[in-house]
């Protein structure tokens, strides 16, 4: 190997377009899943009967 040459970890220099698209789709799916889960968790917490600030904070 000559000094000064840079190659990717697989030795090809660049990932194929299919790999990039697959990673982008996976990242989008994970992001949407986390976002939807967070929204559902927030709504579930807000729908509780005792929703609101803790009583100790109101007494201050």
Protein backbone atom coordinates (compact mmCIF):
# COMPACT_ATOMS: atom_id res chain seq x y z
CA UNK A 1 0.00 0.00 0.00
CA UNK A 2 1.31 3.41 -0.91
CA UNK A 3 1.55 6.11 1.70
CA UNK A 4 -0.88 8.97 1.39
CA UNK A 5 -3.74 6.97 -0.11
CA UNK A 6 -7.00 6.87 1.80
CA UNK A 7 -9.51 4.12 1.46
CA UNK A 8 -12.76 3.31 3.23
CA UNK A 9 -12.93 0.64 5.88
CA UNK A 10 -13.99 -1.94 3.27
CA UNK A 11 -11.33 -0.80 0.85
CA UNK A 12 -13.81 0.47 -1.74
CA UNK A 13 -13.53 4.13 -0.85
CA UNK A 14 -17.28 4.81 -0.87
CA UNK A 15 -20.45 2.94 0.01
CA UNK A 16 -22.88 2.18 -2.80
CA UNK A 17 -26.06 4.20 -3.30
CA UNK A 18 -28.13 1.21 -2.17
CA UNK A 19 -26.34 1.13 1.17
CA UNK A 20 -26.86 4.85 1.68
CA UNK A 21 -30.57 4.55 0.87
CA UNK A 22 -30.93 1.59 3.23
CA UNK A 23 -29.29 3.51 6.09
CA UNK A 24 -31.43 6.58 5.39
CA UNK A 25 -34.63 4.51 5.42
CA UNK A 26 -33.63 2.76 8.64
CA UNK A 27 -32.81 6.07 10.30
CA UNK A 28 -36.12 7.56 9.20
CA UNK A 29 -38.05 4.56 10.55
CA UNK A 30 -36.28 4.74 13.91
CA UNK A 31 -36.85 8.49 14.15
CA UNK A 32 -40.56 8.17 13.38
CA UNK A 33 -40.91 5.33 15.87
CA UNK A 34 -39.22 7.28 18.65
CA UNK A 35 -41.28 10.38 17.85
CA UNK A 36 -44.57 8.48 17.85
CA UNK A 37 -43.65 6.68 21.07
CA UNK A 38 -42.78 9.95 22.77
CA UNK A 39 -46.06 11.54 21.66
CA UNK A 40 -48.07 8.57 22.93
CA UNK A 41 -46.22 8.60 26.24
CA UNK A 42 -46.86 12.32 26.66
CA UNK A 43 -50.58 11.93 25.88
CA UNK A 44 -50.87 8.97 28.24
CA UNK A 45 -49.22 10.94 31.03
CA UNK A 46 -51.46 13.96 30.41
CA UNK A 47 -54.61 11.80 30.46
CA UNK A 48 -53.96 10.50 33.96
CA UNK A 49 -56.46 11.53 36.61
CA UNK A 50 -53.80 13.14 38.79
CA UNK A 51 -52.08 14.91 35.90
CA UNK A 52 -50.50 18.23 36.72
CA UNK A 53 -47.65 19.50 38.79
CA UNK A 54 -46.83 17.69 42.04
CA UNK A 55 -48.80 19.01 45.02
CA UNK A 56 -45.60 20.01 46.79
CA UNK A 57 -44.86 22.58 44.11
CA UNK A 58 -48.29 24.17 44.47
CA UNK A 59 -47.85 24.62 48.24
CA UNK A 60 -44.70 26.67 47.77
